[in-house]
Amino acid sequence: MCKLLCVTFKNGLCRDDEYDNDEDDCKSNYFSATVPSLSVMDFQKYFQLTQTQVEELVRLLSPCEWATSKLEGWTVMHAVLASLWTLSTLESHSSVAARFHTNESLICHQLKEFCTHVTANFDNNICWPKWKEADASVSGFSSSIGLPGAVCVVGSCVIPIERPTDVPDPETYRDSETSYSVNLMAFCNHQGCFTYVTAEHPGSWHNSKVLLETEVGRALQEDPVNLLRGRHIIGDATFPLSEHLLTPFPDYGTLGEKKLRYNLKVQAGLKVVKGSLHVLRNKFQRLRSLQMSSITQTSLAVRTCCTLYNMYLETNNAACVECMEDSVAQEPFHELPNGHSGSLGGISKRQDIAASLGRKPKRDSAKGYYRRWYEV
């Protein structure tokens, strides 16, 4: 165990489900007795990152302005660990504060600072794939699911929040009589890394509407060539079909073999983003009950968790999750009052790709197909 972490943990933490006998004794002795012997796996289980990653995070965030920097005995290491703990659990802020021998208001304020600093200093951790990264993602999707030309997959989930106070009409974020939420829309590469995320629009909005309000959605409308370089995104039926965003064929029980095969491959691709969103919410459980009433702070917290998840993937493969909770059901885009069956270019491209899946091409034909269809 690294010396810096050992010193920080000397008066550290314990989990309720591990030490129930003497809470005060546990909090004062647990880390001094146990943390030095924690394996890499156990440390990452508690804080989601490796010891080395945590120390690097502290090193990079140390130059930032922290309101807690003048508190005696409270360091950037404390701030980082307390924030990671807060994001990783559903413990109340008061309970987290007790673990770190501080007060609840400090934990809350510090979490906001942590999210602000992480998003500002690790902005490139979530970035759209270009050039070699885009080629690698296309190759990865082609080899893993058998769909050519796919650079990203898109999906979404709902993040519960408190009634927002920093928007003109808070009621637009209401999704039931007592609940409010935002839509977390995420794009992933073939490895499940987040390449673009947004969490500032109402959770009750349809995915097609949220997409239009995102930077990616605007780029798809205004300059798709620069964004995709002839490649495309894979999405589910809630998104509008186009030559830049391919969706499954509507299945009314009459699809032929090739279209069914295409749909199965699309579903396999969508499992990548669904799996990442599922693991994200399991690793950073605070996202299941984000106690924030600011859309700005909510967006920062969600982006921070996605950034940390990408860091987690640097030392772990994306989990293959077969049993995932379903997202909130939404109508297919083509069944909406203002929906349609897709652009002519999208319909044609989807048909051609489905037809190609029934062939048995030469070994190098996938590369040739990519050049013919997606070269700009």
Protein backbone atom coordinates (compact mmCIF):
# COMPACT_ATOMS: atom_id res chain seq x y z
CA MET A 1 0.00 0.00 0.00
CA CYS A 2 1.36 3.42 -0.93
CA LYS A 3 2.72 5.44 2.01
CA LEU A 4 0.72 8.56 1.11
CA LEU A 5 -2.55 6.64 1.27
CA CYS A 6 -1.59 4.92 4.51
CA VAL A 7 -1.00 8.23 6.26
CA THR A 8 -4.29 9.63 4.96
CA PHE A 9 -6.25 6.58 6.06
CA LYS A 10 -4.82 6.37 9.55
CA ASN A 11 -7.96 7.88 11.05
CA GLY A 12 -10.16 6.67 8.23
CA LEU A 13 -13.26 4.82 7.30
CA CYS A 14 -15.27 1.66 7.63
CA ARG A 15 -18.36 0.25 6.00
CA ASP A 16 -21.51 -0.31 8.03
CA ASP A 17 -21.96 -3.84 6.75
CA GLU A 18 -18.45 -4.89 7.78
CA TYR A 19 -18.06 -3.49 11.30
CA ASP A 20 -21.14 -3.29 13.48
CA ASN A 21 -19.85 -3.82 17.03
CA ASP A 22 -18.16 -0.63 18.16
CA GLU A 23 -18.67 2.16 15.63
CA ASP A 24 -16.31 4.67 17.25
CA ASP A 25 -13.52 2.12 17.63
CA CYS A 26 -14.09 0.98 14.06
CA LYS A 27 -13.78 4.46 12.63
CA SER A 28 -10.59 5.23 14.50
CA ASN A 29 -8.80 1.93 13.85
CA TYR A 30 -10.15 0.31 10.68
CA PHE A 31 -7.87 1.92 8.14
CA SER A 32 -4.75 1.98 10.26
CA ALA A 33 -5.19 -1.76 10.81
CA THR A 34 -6.72 -2.91 7.52
CA VAL A 35 -6.08 -0.52 4.64
CA PRO A 36 -2.30 -1.11 4.46
CA SER A 37 -3.05 -4.75 3.66
CA LEU A 38 -5.82 -4.08 1.14
CA SER A 39 -5.25 -5.75 -2.20
CA VAL A 40 -5.51 -3.71 -5.37
CA MET A 41 -8.83 -5.39 -6.04
CA ASP A 42 -10.26 -4.53 -2.62
CA PHE A 43 -9.10 -0.93 -2.79
CA GLN A 44 -10.71 -0.52 -6.20
CA LYS A 45 -13.87 -2.18 -4.91
CA TYR A 46 -14.26 0.58 -2.34
CA PHE A 47 -13.08 3.59 -4.37
CA GLN A 48 -13.56 2.37 -8.00
CA LEU A 49 -10.03 3.47 -8.98
CA THR A 50 -6.67 1.86 -8.28
CA GLN A 51 -4.32 3.27 -5.67
CA THR A 52 -2.07 4.60 -8.42
CA GLN A 53 -5.00 6.29 -10.17
CA VAL A 54 -6.13 7.93 -6.93
CA GLU A 55 -2.67 9.31 -6.25
CA GLU A 56 -2.43 10.62 -9.82
CA LEU A 57 -5.86 12.21 -9.41
CA VAL A 58 -4.67 13.91 -6.23
CA ARG A 59 -1.48 15.11 -7.93
CA LEU A 60 -3.35 16.66 -10.85
CA LEU A 61 -6.05 18.24 -8.67
CA SER A 62 -3.73 19.59 -5.98
CA PRO A 63 -3.03 22.88 -7.82
CA CYS A 64 -6.78 23.61 -7.99
CA GLU A 65 -8.41 26.02 -5.57
CA TRP A 66 -10.11 24.10 -2.77
CA ALA A 67 -12.18 25.88 -0.16
CA THR A 68 -11.09 23.22 2.34
CA SER A 69 -7.36 23.69 1.73
CA LYS A 70 -6.93 25.84 4.85
CA LEU A 71 -8.58 23.35 7.19
CA GLU A 72 -6.05 21.78 9.51
CA GLY A 73 -5.53 18.09 8.84
CA TRP A 74 -7.69 18.11 5.71
CA THR A 75 -5.85 17.50 2.44
CA VAL A 76 -6.67 17.08 -1.24
CA MET A 77 -6.31 13.35 -0.63
CA HIS A 78 -9.11 13.59 1.95
CA ALA A 79 -11.24 15.55 -0.52
CA VAL A 80 -10.70 13.06 -3.33
CA LEU A 81 -11.33 9.98 -1.20
CA ALA A 82 -14.39 11.44 0.50
CA SER A 83 -15.84 12.43 -2.87
CA LEU A 84 -15.13 9.04 -4.42
CA TRP A 85 -16.78 7.40 -1.41
CA THR A 86 -19.79 9.71 -1.65
CA LEU A 87 -20.27 9.01 -5.36
CA SER A 88 -19.75 5.26 -4.91
CA THR A 89 -22.36 4.70 -2.21
CA LEU A 90 -25.89 5.66 -1.30
CA GLU A 91 -24.88 6.55 2.25
CA SER A 92 -26.33 9.78 3.56
CA HIS A 93 -24.00 12.76 3.49
CA SER A 94 -24.14 12.86 7.28
CA SER A 95 -22.91 9.27 7.46
CA VAL A 96 -20.08 9.99 5.02
CA ALA A 97 -19.16 13.02 7.12
CA ALA A 98 -19.03 10.86 10.24
CA ARG A 99 -16.67 8.44 8.54
CA PHE A 100 -14.30 11.24 7.62
CA HIS A 101 -14.65 12.98 10.99
CA THR A 102 -16.01 16.17 9.45
CA ASN A 103 -19.40 17.82 8.92
CA GLU A 104 -22.13 17.25 6.37
CA SER A 105 -21.96 20.72 4.79
CA LEU A 106 -18.26 20.21 4.07
CA ILE A 107 -18.92 16.87 2.35
CA CYS A 108 -21.63 18.45 0.16
CA HIS A 109 -19.57 21.50 -0.75
CA GLN A 110 -16.48 19.43 -1.35
CA LEU A 111 -18.32 17.08 -3.69
CA LYS A 112 -19.35 20.04 -5.84
CA GLU A 113 -15.75 21.25 -5.92
CA PHE A 114 -14.49 17.79 -6.80
CA CYS A 115 -16.92 17.46 -9.72
CA THR A 116 -16.03 20.94 -10.98
CA HIS A 117 -12.30 20.23 -10.86
CA VAL A 118 -12.55 16.77 -12.45
CA THR A 119 -14.66 17.95 -15.37
CA ALA A 120 -12.38 20.94 -15.94
CA ASN A 121 -9.08 19.06 -15.72
CA PHE A 122 -10.08 15.80 -17.38
CA ASP A 123 -12.15 17.21 -20.22
CA ASN A 124 -10.27 15.11 -22.78
CA ASN A 125 -11.13 11.91 -20.94
CA ILE A 126 -14.51 11.90 -22.69
CA CYS A 127 -13.92 12.78 -26.33
CA TRP A 128 -15.37 11.92 -29.69
CA PRO A 129 -13.25 9.32 -31.56
CA LYS A 130 -11.29 10.72 -34.49
CA TRP A 131 -8.71 9.35 -36.89
CA LYS A 132 -6.96 6.30 -35.36
CA GLU A 133 -9.40 6.12 -32.46
CA ALA A 134 -12.35 6.14 -34.86
CA ASP A 135 -10.74 3.48 -37.06
CA ALA A 136 -10.08 1.32 -33.99
CA SER A 137 -13.70 1.63 -32.88
CA VAL A 138 -15.01 0.75 -36.36
CA SER A 139 -12.70 -2.25 -36.47
CA GLY A 140 -13.73 -3.26 -32.95
CA PHE A 141 -17.45 -3.17 -33.70
CA SER A 142 -16.89 -4.97 -36.99
CA SER A 143 -15.00 -7.82 -35.36
CA SER A 144 -17.15 -8.09 -32.22
CA ILE A 145 -20.68 -7.71 -33.61
CA GLY A 146 -20.16 -7.92 -37.37
CA LEU A 147 -21.54 -4.52 -38.37
CA PRO A 148 -19.34 -2.43 -40.70
CA GLY A 149 -18.80 1.31 -40.34
CA ALA A 150 -20.12 1.77 -36.79
CA VAL A 151 -18.03 4.22 -34.77
CA CYS A 152 -20.28 4.63 -31.70
CA VAL A 153 -23.47 3.36 -30.12
CA VAL A 154 -25.93 5.62 -28.32
CA GLY A 155 -28.23 4.90 -25.41
CA SER A 156 -29.85 6.61 -22.46
CA CYS A 157 -31.10 6.19 -18.92
CA VAL A 158 -32.87 8.33 -16.35
CA ILE A 159 -31.08 9.97 -13.40
CA PRO A 160 -33.37 10.89 -10.47
CA ILE A 161 -32.87 14.40 -9.07
CA GLU A 162 -34.56 16.80 -6.69
CA ARG A 163 -36.81 19.56 -7.98
CA PRO A 164 -34.41 21.85 -9.89
CA THR A 165 -34.10 25.46 -8.82
CA ASP A 166 -31.84 26.82 -11.57
CA VAL A 167 -34.14 26.43 -14.60
CA PRO A 168 -37.04 28.65 -15.79
CA ASP A 169 -39.63 25.86 -15.58
CA PRO A 170 -38.74 23.16 -13.03
CA GLU A 171 -41.94 21.24 -13.79
CA THR A 172 -40.59 20.19 -17.19
CA TYR A 173 -38.29 17.87 -15.23
CA ARG A 174 -41.16 16.18 -13.41
CA ASP A 175 -41.66 12.57 -14.49
CA SER A 176 -44.33 11.61 -11.92
CA GLU A 177 -46.34 13.18 -9.12
CA THR A 178 -43.35 13.31 -6.80
CA SER A 179 -40.26 12.62 -8.92
CA TYR A 180 -37.93 14.65 -11.11
CA SER A 181 -35.20 13.39 -13.39
CA VAL A 182 -32.78 14.14 -16.21
CA ASN A 183 -32.03 12.08 -19.29
CA LEU A 184 -28.46 10.78 -19.39
CA MET A 185 -27.69 10.27 -23.07
CA ALA A 186 -24.39 8.55 -23.71
CA PHE A 187 -22.34 7.51 -26.72
CA CYS A 188 -19.76 4.71 -26.38
CA ASN A 189 -17.00 3.27 -28.51
CA HIS A 190 -16.48 -0.47 -29.06
CA GLN A 191 -14.80 -0.83 -25.65
CA GLY A 192 -17.67 0.76 -23.75
CA CYS A 193 -15.79 4.00 -23.05
CA PHE A 194 -17.97 7.08 -23.01
CA THR A 195 -17.20 9.35 -25.97
CA TYR A 196 -19.94 11.91 -25.35
CA VAL A 197 -22.42 12.36 -22.50
CA THR A 198 -25.09 14.89 -21.64
CA ALA A 199 -27.37 15.02 -18.59
CA GLU A 200 -29.18 18.34 -18.63
CA HIS A 201 -32.49 17.62 -20.36
CA PRO A 202 -35.72 16.38 -18.73
CA GLY A 203 -35.99 12.66 -18.16
CA SER A 204 -39.51 12.70 -19.59
CA TRP A 205 -38.27 13.89 -22.98
CA HIS A 206 -38.18 11.41 -25.83
CA ASN A 207 -34.69 10.34 -26.93
CA SER A 208 -35.22 11.85 -30.37
CA LYS A 209 -35.90 15.24 -28.80
CA VAL A 210 -32.92 15.03 -26.45
CA LEU A 211 -30.63 14.10 -29.34
CA LEU A 212 -31.61 17.22 -31.28
CA GLU A 213 -30.54 19.38 -28.32
CA THR A 214 -27.09 17.82 -27.97
CA GLU A 215 -23.85 18.85 -29.67
CA VAL A 216 -23.76 15.50 -31.46
CA GLY A 217 -27.34 15.92 -32.66
CA ARG A 218 -26.62 19.39 -34.01
CA ALA A 219 -23.48 18.12 -35.72
CA LEU A 220 -25.49 15.33 -37.35
CA GLN A 221 -27.79 17.98 -38.79
CA GLU A 222 -25.22 20.62 -39.73
CA ASP A 223 -21.91 18.87 -40.45
CA PRO A 224 -22.15 15.06 -40.32
CA VAL A 225 -19.15 14.61 -42.62
CA ASN A 226 -16.79 16.31 -40.20
CA LEU A 227 -18.27 14.39 -37.26
CA LEU A 228 -18.37 10.91 -38.75
CA ARG A 229 -16.15 10.90 -41.85
CA GLY A 230 -18.58 8.59 -43.59
CA ARG A 231 -19.07 6.29 -40.63
CA HIS A 232 -22.29 5.98 -38.63
CA ILE A 233 -23.78 5.63 -35.14
CA ILE A 234 -25.95 2.73 -33.96
CA GLY A 235 -29.07 3.49 -31.93
CA ASP A 236 -32.34 1.85 -30.96
CA ALA A 237 -35.77 2.48 -32.46
CA THR A 238 -36.35 5.61 -30.38
CA PHE A 239 -33.92 7.48 -32.64
CA PRO A 240 -34.67 8.66 -36.19
CA LEU A 241 -33.13 6.50 -38.92
CA SER A 242 -30.68 8.28 -41.21
CA GLU A 243 -27.55 7.40 -43.13
CA HIS A 244 -25.61 8.74 -40.12
CA LEU A 245 -27.61 6.95 -37.38
CA LEU A 246 -28.77 3.42 -38.10
CA THR A 247 -31.57 1.76 -36.15
CA PRO A 248 -33.19 -1.72 -36.18
CA PHE A 249 -35.82 -2.73 -38.70
CA PRO A 250 -39.32 -2.52 -37.19
CA ASP A 251 -40.28 -6.10 -36.41
CA TYR A 252 -43.92 -7.00 -36.93
CA GLY A 253 -43.19 -10.72 -37.22
CA THR A 254 -42.54 -10.75 -40.96
CA LEU A 255 -38.84 -9.89 -41.19
CA GLY A 256 -36.67 -12.01 -43.43
CA GLU A 257 -33.52 -13.80 -42.33
CA LYS A 258 -31.12 -11.02 -43.34
CA LYS A 259 -33.08 -8.29 -41.59
CA LEU A 260 -33.38 -10.42 -38.47
CA ARG A 261 -29.64 -11.03 -38.56
CA TYR A 262 -29.05 -7.29 -38.91
CA ASN A 263 -31.34 -6.57 -35.94
CA LEU A 264 -29.50 -9.11 -33.79
CA LYS A 265 -26.19 -7.45 -34.58
CA VAL A 266 -27.63 -4.02 -33.77
CA GLN A 267 -28.91 -5.35 -30.44
CA ALA A 268 -25.44 -6.77 -29.73
CA GLY A 269 -23.98 -3.32 -30.37
CA LEU A 270 -26.53 -1.63 -28.12
CA LYS A 271 -25.54 -3.97 -25.28
CA VAL A 272 -22.22 -2.12 -25.18
CA VAL A 273 -23.76 1.21 -24.18
CA LYS A 274 -26.46 -0.42 -22.05
CA GLY A 275 -23.79 -2.36 -20.20
CA SER A 276 -21.70 0.76 -19.61
CA LEU A 277 -24.69 2.67 -18.25
CA HIS A 278 -25.62 -0.27 -16.03
CA VAL A 279 -22.11 -0.66 -14.59
CA LEU A 280 -21.77 3.12 -14.25
CA ARG A 281 -24.79 3.23 -11.95
CA ASN A 282 -23.56 0.21 -10.00
CA LYS A 283 -20.07 1.63 -9.52
CA PHE A 284 -21.30 5.12 -8.73
CA GLN A 285 -24.51 4.40 -6.88
CA ARG A 286 -25.08 8.06 -6.02
CA LEU A 287 -26.49 8.37 -9.55
CA ARG A 288 -29.49 6.34 -8.38
CA SER A 289 -30.39 9.08 -5.92
CA LEU A 290 -28.56 12.25 -6.82
CA GLN A 291 -29.50 14.70 -4.08
CA MET A 292 -28.99 17.84 -6.14
CA SER A 293 -31.50 20.52 -7.05
CA SER A 294 -29.31 22.20 -9.66
CA ILE A 295 -29.25 20.99 -13.27
CA THR A 296 -25.78 22.50 -13.64
CA GLN A 297 -24.44 20.60 -10.64
CA THR A 298 -26.27 17.45 -11.71
CA SER A 299 -24.67 17.60 -15.14
CA LEU A 300 -21.22 18.07 -13.58
CA ALA A 301 -21.74 15.14 -11.19
CA VAL A 302 -22.89 12.82 -13.97
CA ARG A 303 -20.01 13.82 -16.24
CA THR A 304 -17.60 13.29 -13.35
CA CYS A 305 -18.89 9.76 -12.82
CA CYS A 306 -18.58 9.04 -16.55
CA THR A 307 -15.02 10.40 -16.51
CA LEU A 308 -14.15 8.20 -13.53
CA TYR A 309 -15.77 5.23 -15.28
CA ASN A 310 -13.51 5.75 -18.29
CA MET A 311 -10.55 5.82 -15.89
CA TYR A 312 -11.85 2.59 -14.36
CA LEU A 313 -11.84 0.99 -17.82
CA GLU A 314 -8.15 1.81 -18.19
CA THR A 315 -7.42 -1.06 -15.80
CA ASN A 316 -10.54 -3.18 -16.34
CA ASN A 317 -12.38 -4.52 -19.34
CA ALA A 318 -15.96 -3.41 -19.82
CA ALA A 319 -18.22 -5.92 -18.13
CA CYS A 320 -20.42 -8.10 -20.28
CA VAL A 321 -23.75 -7.61 -18.57
CA GLU A 322 -26.49 -9.94 -19.73
CA CYS A 323 -29.10 -9.01 -17.11
CA MET A 324 -29.68 -5.28 -17.17
CA GLU A 325 -32.60 -3.25 -15.96
CA ASP A 326 -34.54 -1.80 -18.85
CA SER A 327 -34.54 1.91 -19.51
CA VAL A 328 -37.80 3.78 -19.30
CA ALA A 329 -39.89 2.52 -22.21
CA GLN A 330 -40.27 4.98 -25.06
CA GLU A 331 -42.24 4.73 -28.26
CA PRO A 332 -40.29 4.03 -31.45
CA PHE A 333 -39.57 7.24 -33.31
CA HIS A 334 -41.47 6.14 -36.41
CA GLU A 335 -44.65 5.74 -34.32
CA LEU A 336 -44.58 9.28 -32.92
CA PRO A 337 -47.05 11.84 -34.34
CA ASN A 338 -44.16 13.75 -35.89
CA GLY A 339 -42.08 10.66 -36.60
CA HIS A 340 -41.18 9.03 -39.89
CA SER A 341 -39.71 5.77 -41.16
CA GLY A 342 -36.32 7.32 -41.87
CA SER A 343 -34.48 9.29 -44.50
CA LEU A 344 -34.09 7.75 -47.95
CA GLY A 345 -30.34 7.56 -47.43
CA GLY A 346 -30.80 5.79 -44.11
CA ILE A 347 -33.34 3.31 -45.48
CA SER A 348 -31.09 2.47 -48.41
CA LYS A 349 -27.95 2.14 -46.29
CA ARG A 350 -29.66 -0.11 -43.76
CA GLN A 351 -31.01 -2.33 -46.53
CA ASP A 352 -27.60 -2.66 -48.17
CA ILE A 353 -25.83 -3.49 -44.91
CA ALA A 354 -28.48 -6.09 -44.05
CA ALA A 355 -28.08 -7.63 -47.51
CA SER A 356 -24.30 -7.75 -47.12
CA LEU A 357 -24.58 -9.72 -43.88
CA GLY A 358 -25.88 -12.75 -45.75
CA ARG A 359 -22.85 -12.96 -47.99
CA LYS A 360 -19.66 -14.89 -47.37
CA PRO A 361 -17.09 -12.36 -48.56
CA LYS A 362 -13.37 -12.77 -48.96
CA ARG A 363 -11.20 -12.21 -45.93
CA ASP A 364 -10.39 -8.59 -46.83
CA SER A 365 -13.82 -7.68 -48.18
CA ALA A 366 -14.97 -6.00 -44.96
CA LYS A 367 -12.25 -3.40 -45.43
CA GLY A 368 -13.22 -2.97 -49.07
CA TYR A 369 -16.87 -2.59 -48.15
CA TYR A 370 -15.93 0.09 -45.67
CA ARG A 371 -14.04 1.99 -48.37
CA ARG A 372 -16.88 1.78 -50.87
CA TRP A 373 -19.64 2.81 -48.50
CA TYR A 374 -18.07 5.18 -46.00
CA GLU A 375 -15.11 6.82 -47.66
CA VAL A 376 -15.39 10.63 -47.83
